[in-house]
């Protein structure tokens, strides 16, 4: 049985996290590919996270925060 889609507020917050990751990446002049390499994450995953199409796991958020040189709390 398929699960119900998340509520709108969850989707909005997911997009906000993706926006913060994108802004931090661009502030550092990183491409998605460079951030993916630094974090050890797939580039397509970065794209899906930034677009709000994928909910990142905590481990991925920790890797991204470290690669961006910022605390996790700045992303979430």
PDB file of N, CA and C in Angstrom:
ATOM      1  N   UNK A   1       0.832  -1.166   0.000  1.00  0.00           N
ATOM      2  CA  UNK A   1       0.000   0.000   0.000  1.00  0.00           C
ATOM      3  C   UNK A   1       0.892   1.249   0.000  1.00  0.00           C
ATOM      4  N   UNK A   2       0.709   2.161  -0.966  1.00  0.00           N
ATOM      5  CA  UNK A   2       1.542   3.359  -1.024  1.00  0.00           C
ATOM      6  C   UNK A   2       1.246   4.282   0.155  1.00  0.00           C
ATOM      7  N   UNK A   3       2.288   4.981   0.598  1.00  0.00           N
ATOM      8  CA  UNK A   3       2.101   5.899   1.713  1.00  0.00           C
ATOM      9  C   UNK A   3       1.523   7.222   1.210  1.00  0.00           C
ATOM     10  N   UNK A   4       0.873   7.912   2.097  1.00  0.00           N
ATOM     11  CA  UNK A   4       0.267   9.202   1.755  1.00  0.00           C
ATOM     12  C   UNK A   4       1.372  10.241   1.561  1.00  0.00           C
ATOM     13  N   UNK A   5       1.156  11.197   0.659  1.00  0.00           N
ATOM     14  CA  UNK A   5       2.168  12.251   0.484  1.00  0.00           C
ATOM     15  C   UNK A   5       2.268  13.089   1.757  1.00  0.00           C
ATOM     16  N   UNK A   6       3.422  13.693   1.978  1.00  0.00           N
ATOM     17  CA  UNK A   6       3.580  14.511   3.190  1.00  0.00           C
ATOM     18  C   UNK A   6       2.707  15.762   3.119  1.00  0.00           C
ATOM     19  N   UNK A   7       2.391  16.333   4.266  1.00  0.00           N
ATOM     20  CA  UNK A   7       1.599  17.564   4.271  1.00  0.00           C
ATOM     21  C   UNK A   7       2.366  18.709   3.603  1.00  0.00           C
ATOM     22  N   UNK A   8       1.629  19.722   3.182  1.00  0.00           N
ATOM     23  CA  UNK A   8       2.238  20.860   2.489  1.00  0.00           C
ATOM     24  C   UNK A   8       3.327  21.538   3.310  1.00  0.00           C
ATOM     25  N   UNK A   9       3.146  21.630   4.628  1.00  0.00           N
ATOM     26  CA  UNK A   9       4.141  22.316   5.444  1.00  0.00           C
ATOM     27  C   UNK A   9       5.462  21.554   5.462  1.00  0.00           C
ATOM     28  N   UNK A  10       5.405  20.240   5.348  1.00  0.00           N
ATOM     29  CA  UNK A  10       6.627  19.433   5.300  1.00  0.00           C
ATOM     30  C   UNK A  10       7.355  19.695   3.978  1.00  0.00           C
ATOM     31  N   UNK A  11       6.610  19.733   2.905  1.00  0.00           N
ATOM     32  CA  UNK A  11       7.202  20.013   1.589  1.00  0.00           C
ATOM     33  C   UNK A  11       7.828  21.406   1.579  1.00  0.00           C
ATOM     34  N   UNK A  12       7.154  22.382   2.171  1.00  0.00           N
ATOM     35  CA  UNK A  12       7.684  23.751   2.219  1.00  0.00           C
ATOM     36  C   UNK A  12       8.988  23.802   3.010  1.00  0.00           C
ATOM     37  N   UNK A  13       9.052  23.101   4.123  1.00  0.00           N
ATOM     38  CA  UNK A  13      10.289  23.095   4.912  1.00  0.00           C
ATOM     39  C   UNK A  13      11.405  22.347   4.200  1.00  0.00           C
ATOM     40  N   UNK A  14      11.051  21.281   3.482  1.00  0.00           N
ATOM     41  CA  UNK A  14      12.040  20.546   2.707  1.00  0.00           C
ATOM     42  C   UNK A  14      12.657  21.472   1.650  1.00  0.00           C
ATOM     43  N   UNK A  15      11.802  22.251   0.986  1.00  0.00           N
ATOM     44  CA  UNK A  15      12.294  23.204  -0.019  1.00  0.00           C
ATOM     45  C   UNK A  15      13.166  24.274   0.616  1.00  0.00           C
ATOM     46  N   UNK A  16      12.808  24.722   1.818  1.00  0.00           N
ATOM     47  CA  UNK A  16      13.599  25.741   2.512  1.00  0.00           C
ATOM     48  C   UNK A  16      14.998  25.215   2.830  1.00  0.00           C
ATOM     49  N   UNK A  17      15.087  23.967   3.253  1.00  0.00           N
ATOM     50  CA  UNK A  17      16.402  23.360   3.509  1.00  0.00           C
ATOM     51  C   UNK A  17      17.205  23.312   2.209  1.00  0.00           C
ATOM     52  N   UNK A  18      16.577  22.889   1.128  1.00  0.00           N
ATOM     53  CA  UNK A  18      17.245  22.853  -0.165  1.00  0.00           C
ATOM     54  C   UNK A  18      17.721  24.223  -0.596  1.00  0.00           C
ATOM     55  N   UNK A  19      16.907  25.249  -0.349  1.00  0.00           N
ATOM     56  CA  UNK A  19      17.299  26.623  -0.692  1.00  0.00           C
ATOM     57  C   UNK A  19      18.521  27.060   0.107  1.00  0.00           C
ATOM     58  N   UNK A  20      18.550  26.728   1.404  1.00  0.00           N
ATOM     59  CA  UNK A  20      19.704  27.104   2.231  1.00  0.00           C
ATOM     60  C   UNK A  20      20.968  26.396   1.770  1.00  0.00           C
ATOM     61  N   UNK A  21      20.843  25.149   1.366  1.00  0.00           N
ATOM     62  CA  UNK A  21      22.008  24.424   0.848  1.00  0.00           C
ATOM     63  C   UNK A  21      22.493  25.083  -0.439  1.00  0.00           C
ATOM     64  N   UNK A  22      21.572  25.418  -1.332  1.00  0.00           N
ATOM     65  CA  UNK A  22      21.930  26.052  -2.606  1.00  0.00           C
ATOM     66  C   UNK A  22      22.628  27.396  -2.367  1.00  0.00           C
ATOM     67  N   UNK A  23      22.067  28.223  -1.487  1.00  0.00           N
ATOM     68  CA  UNK A  23      22.659  29.531  -1.202  1.00  0.00           C
ATOM     69  C   UNK A  23      24.067  29.370  -0.626  1.00  0.00           C
ATOM     70  N   UNK A  24      24.223  28.459   0.322  1.00  0.00           N
ATOM     71  CA  UNK A  24      25.545  28.227   0.921  1.00  0.00           C
ATOM     72  C   UNK A  24      26.528  27.733  -0.130  1.00  0.00           C
ATOM     73  N   UNK A  25      26.068  26.853  -1.005  1.00  0.00           N
ATOM     74  CA  UNK A  25      26.940  26.327  -2.073  1.00  0.00           C
ATOM     75  C   UNK A  25      27.367  27.447  -3.005  1.00  0.00           C
ATOM     76  N   UNK A  26      26.435  28.273  -3.421  1.00  0.00           N
ATOM     77  CA  UNK A  26      26.753  29.361  -4.344  1.00  0.00           C
ATOM     78  C   UNK A  26      27.617  30.427  -3.682  1.00  0.00           C
ATOM     79  N   UNK A  27      27.408  30.683  -2.386  1.00  0.00           N
ATOM     80  CA  UNK A  27      28.251  31.641  -1.658  1.00  0.00           C
ATOM     81  C   UNK A  27      29.710  31.209  -1.654  1.00  0.00           C
ATOM     82  N   UNK A  28      29.924  29.905  -1.732  1.00  0.00           N
ATOM     83  CA  UNK A  28      31.284  29.366  -1.738  1.00  0.00           C
ATOM     84  C   UNK A  28      31.788  29.103  -3.163  1.00  0.00           C
ATOM     85  N   UNK A  29      30.988  29.490  -4.140  1.00  0.00           N
ATOM     86  CA  UNK A  29      31.327  29.276  -5.551  1.00  0.00           C
ATOM     87  C   UNK A  29      31.560  27.803  -5.870  1.00  0.00           C
ATOM     88  N   UNK A  30      30.769  26.941  -5.238  1.00  0.00           N
ATOM     89  CA  UNK A  30      30.837  25.508  -5.510  1.00  0.00           C
ATOM     90  C   UNK A  30      29.790  25.159  -6.558  1.00  0.00           C
ATOM     91  N   UNK A  31      30.158  24.303  -7.480  1.00  0.00           N
ATOM     92  CA  UNK A  31      29.159  23.684  -8.343  1.00  0.00           C
ATOM     93  C   UNK A  31      28.534  22.538  -7.554  1.00  0.00           C
ATOM     94  N   UNK A  32      27.427  22.023  -8.050  1.00  0.00           N
ATOM     95  CA  UNK A  32      26.842  20.843  -7.413  1.00  0.00           C
ATOM     96  C   UNK A  32      27.843  19.698  -7.440  1.00  0.00           C
ATOM     97  N   UNK A  33      28.575  19.582  -8.522  1.00  0.00           N
ATOM     98  CA  UNK A  33      29.558  18.497  -8.639  1.00  0.00           C
ATOM     99  C   UNK A  33      30.659  18.640  -7.592  1.00  0.00           C
ATOM    100  N   UNK A  34      31.164  19.866  -7.405  1.00  0.00           N
ATOM    101  CA  UNK A  34      32.230  20.059  -6.422  1.00  0.00           C
ATOM    102  C   UNK A  34      31.729  19.762  -5.007  1.00  0.00           C
ATOM    103  N   UNK A  35      30.529  20.232  -4.682  1.00  0.00           N
ATOM    104  CA  UNK A  35      29.975  19.941  -3.362  1.00  0.00           C
ATOM    105  C   UNK A  35      29.785  18.442  -3.186  1.00  0.00           C
ATOM    106  N   UNK A  36      29.294  17.784  -4.215  1.00  0.00           N
ATOM    107  CA  UNK A  36      29.084  16.332  -4.153  1.00  0.00           C
ATOM    108  C   UNK A  36      30.403  15.611  -3.888  1.00  0.00           C
ATOM    109  N   UNK A  37      31.462  16.028  -4.570  1.00  0.00           N
ATOM    110  CA  UNK A  37      32.775  15.399  -4.370  1.00  0.00           C
ATOM    111  C   UNK A  37      33.279  15.631  -2.954  1.00  0.00           C
ATOM    112  N   UNK A  38      33.160  16.855  -2.458  1.00  0.00           N
ATOM    113  CA  UNK A  38      33.647  17.185  -1.114  1.00  0.00           C
ATOM    114  C   UNK A  38      32.870  16.435  -0.037  1.00  0.00           C
ATOM    115  N   UNK A  39      31.567  16.231  -0.288  1.00  0.00           N
ATOM    116  CA  UNK A  39      30.720  15.586   0.716  1.00  0.00           C
ATOM    117  C   UNK A  39      30.644  14.072   0.535  1.00  0.00           C
ATOM    118  N   UNK A  40      31.094  13.571  -0.616  1.00  0.00           N
ATOM    119  CA  UNK A  40      30.985  12.135  -0.877  1.00  0.00           C
ATOM    120  C   UNK A  40      29.549  11.723  -1.151  1.00  0.00           C
ATOM    121  N   UNK A  41      28.825  12.606  -1.820  1.00  0.00           N
ATOM    122  CA  UNK A  41      27.406  12.394  -2.121  1.00  0.00           C
ATOM    123  C   UNK A  41      27.230  12.470  -3.634  1.00  0.00           C
ATOM    124  N   UNK A  42      26.235  11.777  -4.143  1.00  0.00           N
ATOM    125  CA  UNK A  42      25.935  11.792  -5.566  1.00  0.00           C
ATOM    126  C   UNK A  42      25.450  13.180  -6.001  1.00  0.00           C
ATOM    127  N   UNK A  43      25.925  13.697  -7.143  1.00  0.00           N
ATOM    128  CA  UNK A  43      25.535  15.013  -7.621  1.00  0.00           C
ATOM    129  C   UNK A  43      24.035  15.103  -7.845  1.00  0.00           C
ATOM    130  N   UNK A  44      23.437  14.036  -8.366  1.00  0.00           N
ATOM    131  CA  UNK A  44      21.992  14.062  -8.597  1.00  0.00           C
ATOM    132  C   UNK A  44      21.230  14.180  -7.282  1.00  0.00           C
ATOM    133  N   UNK A  45      21.775  13.614  -6.223  1.00  0.00           N
ATOM    134  CA  UNK A  45      21.134  13.732  -4.907  1.00  0.00           C
ATOM    135  C   UNK A  45      21.153  15.194  -4.457  1.00  0.00           C
ATOM    136  N   UNK A  46      22.279  15.870  -4.679  1.00  0.00           N
ATOM    137  CA  UNK A  46      22.371  17.300  -4.341  1.00  0.00           C
ATOM    138  C   UNK A  46      21.288  18.067  -5.106  1.00  0.00           C
ATOM    139  N   UNK A  47      21.154  17.777  -6.380  1.00  0.00           N
ATOM    140  CA  UNK A  47      20.158  18.452  -7.200  1.00  0.00           C
ATOM    141  C   UNK A  47      18.750  18.200  -6.671  1.00  0.00           C
ATOM    142  N   UNK A  48      18.437  16.960  -6.368  1.00  0.00           N
ATOM    143  CA  UNK A  48      17.099  16.626  -5.869  1.00  0.00           C
ATOM    144  C   UNK A  48      16.824  17.285  -4.516  1.00  0.00           C
ATOM    145  N   UNK A  49      17.835  17.359  -3.669  1.00  0.00           N
ATOM    146  CA  UNK A  49      17.687  18.002  -2.362  1.00  0.00           C
ATOM    147  C   UNK A  49      17.457  19.502  -2.547  1.00  0.00           C
ATOM    148  N   UNK A  50      18.271  20.128  -3.374  1.00  0.00           N
ATOM    149  CA  UNK A  50      18.122  21.563  -3.600  1.00  0.00           C
ATOM    150  C   UNK A  50      16.775  21.914  -4.221  1.00  0.00           C
ATOM    151  N   UNK A  51      16.250  21.045  -5.046  1.00  0.00           N
ATOM    152  CA  UNK A  51      14.958  21.282  -5.686  1.00  0.00           C
ATOM    153  C   UNK A  51      13.784  20.943  -4.764  1.00  0.00           C
ATOM    154  N   UNK A  52      14.060  20.301  -3.644  1.00  0.00           N
ATOM    155  CA  UNK A  52      13.005  19.924  -2.723  1.00  0.00           C
ATOM    156  C   UNK A  52      12.291  18.647  -3.112  1.00  0.00           C
ATOM    157  N   UNK A  53      12.877  17.886  -4.035  1.00  0.00           N
ATOM    158  CA  UNK A  53      12.261  16.643  -4.486  1.00  0.00           C
ATOM    159  C   UNK A  53      12.647  15.440  -3.632  1.00  0.00           C
ATOM    160  N   UNK A  54      13.666  15.606  -2.799  1.00  0.00           N
ATOM    161  CA  UNK A  54      14.155  14.495  -1.981  1.00  0.00           C
ATOM    162  C   UNK A  54      14.413  15.001  -0.572  1.00  0.00           C
ATOM    163  N   UNK A  55      14.016  14.223   0.392  1.00  0.00           N
ATOM    164  CA  UNK A  55      14.321  14.522   1.789  1.00  0.00           C
ATOM    165  C   UNK A  55      15.675  13.908   2.131  1.00  0.00           C
ATOM    166  N   UNK A  56      16.650  14.735   2.477  1.00  0.00           N
ATOM    167  CA  UNK A  56      17.966  14.171   2.792  1.00  0.00           C
ATOM    168  C   UNK A  56      17.970  13.472   4.139  1.00  0.00           C
ATOM    169  N   UNK A  57      18.745  12.418   4.222  1.00  0.00           N
ATOM    170  CA  UNK A  57      18.947  11.727   5.493  1.00  0.00           C
ATOM    171  C   UNK A  57      19.841  12.603   6.370  1.00  0.00           C
ATOM    172  N   UNK A  58      19.784  12.371   7.664  1.00  0.00           N
ATOM    173  CA  UNK A  58      20.603  13.130   8.598  1.00  0.00           C
ATOM    174  C   UNK A  58      22.081  13.003   8.248  1.00  0.00           C
ATOM    175  N   UNK A  59      22.534  11.806   7.918  1.00  0.00           N
ATOM    176  CA  UNK A  59      23.941  11.606   7.564  1.00  0.00           C
ATOM    177  C   UNK A  59      24.334  12.487   6.381  1.00  0.00           C
ATOM    178  N   UNK A  60      23.462  12.588   5.384  1.00  0.00           N
ATOM    179  CA  UNK A  60      23.742  13.411   4.212  1.00  0.00           C
ATOM    180  C   UNK A  60      23.804  14.882   4.606  1.00  0.00           C
ATOM    181  N   UNK A  61      22.893  15.323   5.448  1.00  0.00           N
ATOM    182  CA  UNK A  61      22.924  16.710   5.908  1.00  0.00           C
ATOM    183  C   UNK A  61      24.214  17.014   6.662  1.00  0.00           C
ATOM    184  N   UNK A  62      24.660  16.066   7.485  1.00  0.00           N
ATOM    185  CA  UNK A  62      25.916  16.252   8.216  1.00  0.00           C
ATOM    186  C   UNK A  62      27.093  16.349   7.253  1.00  0.00           C
ATOM    187  N   UNK A  63      27.115  15.500   6.235  1.00  0.00           N
ATOM    188  CA  UNK A  63      28.192  15.545   5.243  1.00  0.00           C
ATOM    189  C   UNK A  63      28.177  16.860   4.474  1.00  0.00           C
ATOM    190  N   UNK A  64      26.997  17.323   4.095  1.00  0.00           N
ATOM    191  CA  UNK A  64      26.885  18.580   3.359  1.00  0.00           C
ATOM    192  C   UNK A  64      27.317  19.764   4.217  1.00  0.00           C
ATOM    193  N   UNK A  65      26.875  19.795   5.464  1.00  0.00           N
ATOM    194  CA  UNK A  65      27.259  20.882   6.367  1.00  0.00           C
ATOM    195  C   UNK A  65      28.768  20.921   6.534  1.00  0.00           C
ATOM    196  N   UNK A  66      29.385  19.765   6.705  1.00  0.00           N
ATOM    197  CA  UNK A  66      30.839  19.702   6.858  1.00  0.00           C
ATOM    198  C   UNK A  66      31.532  20.179   5.584  1.00  0.00           C
ATOM    199  N   UNK A  67      31.065  19.730   4.432  1.00  0.00           N
ATOM    200  CA  UNK A  67      31.675  20.125   3.160  1.00  0.00           C
ATOM    201  C   UNK A  67      31.525  21.621   2.911  1.00  0.00           C
ATOM    202  N   UNK A  68      30.452  22.203   3.427  1.00  0.00           N
ATOM    203  CA  UNK A  68      30.223  23.642   3.265  1.00  0.00           C
ATOM    204  C   UNK A  68      30.885  24.458   4.375  1.00  0.00           C
ATOM    205  N   UNK A  69      31.434  23.760   5.382  1.00  0.00           N
ATOM    206  CA  UNK A  69      32.118  24.449   6.477  1.00  0.00           C
ATOM    207  C   UNK A  69      31.167  25.247   7.356  1.00  0.00           C
ATOM    208  N   UNK A  70      29.998  24.666   7.618  1.00  0.00           N
ATOM    209  CA  UNK A  70      29.015  25.366   8.434  1.00  0.00           C
ATOM    210  C   UNK A  70      28.331  24.387   9.364  1.00  0.00           C
ATOM    211  N   UNK A  71      27.728  24.889  10.438  1.00  0.00           N
ATOM    212  CA  UNK A  71      27.022  23.981  11.352  1.00  0.00           C
ATOM    213  C   UNK A  71      25.738  23.459  10.721  1.00  0.00           C
ATOM    214  N   UNK A  72      25.354  22.276  11.116  1.00  0.00           N
ATOM    215  CA  UNK A  72      24.126  21.674  10.628  1.00  0.00           C
ATOM    216  C   UNK A  72      22.931  22.593  10.878  1.00  0.00           C
ATOM    217  N   UNK A  73      22.925  23.257  12.003  1.00  0.00           N
ATOM    218  CA  UNK A  73      21.793  24.134  12.344  1.00  0.00           C
ATOM    219  C   UNK A  73      21.592  25.249  11.334  1.00  0.00           C
ATOM    220  N   UNK A  74      22.629  25.643  10.614  1.00  0.00           N
ATOM    221  CA  UNK A  74      22.484  26.686   9.590  1.00  0.00           C
ATOM    222  C   UNK A  74      21.725  26.168   8.366  1.00  0.00           C
ATOM    223  N   UNK A  75      21.712  24.868   8.167  1.00  0.00           N
ATOM    224  CA  UNK A  75      21.006  24.293   7.029  1.00  0.00           C
ATOM    225  C   UNK A  75      19.561  23.956   7.353  1.00  0.00           C
ATOM    226  N   UNK A  76      19.309  23.586   8.594  1.00  0.00           N
ATOM    227  CA  UNK A  76      17.955  23.194   8.971  1.00  0.00           C
ATOM    228  C   UNK A  76      17.346  24.226   9.888  1.00  0.00           C
TER     229      UNK A  76
END
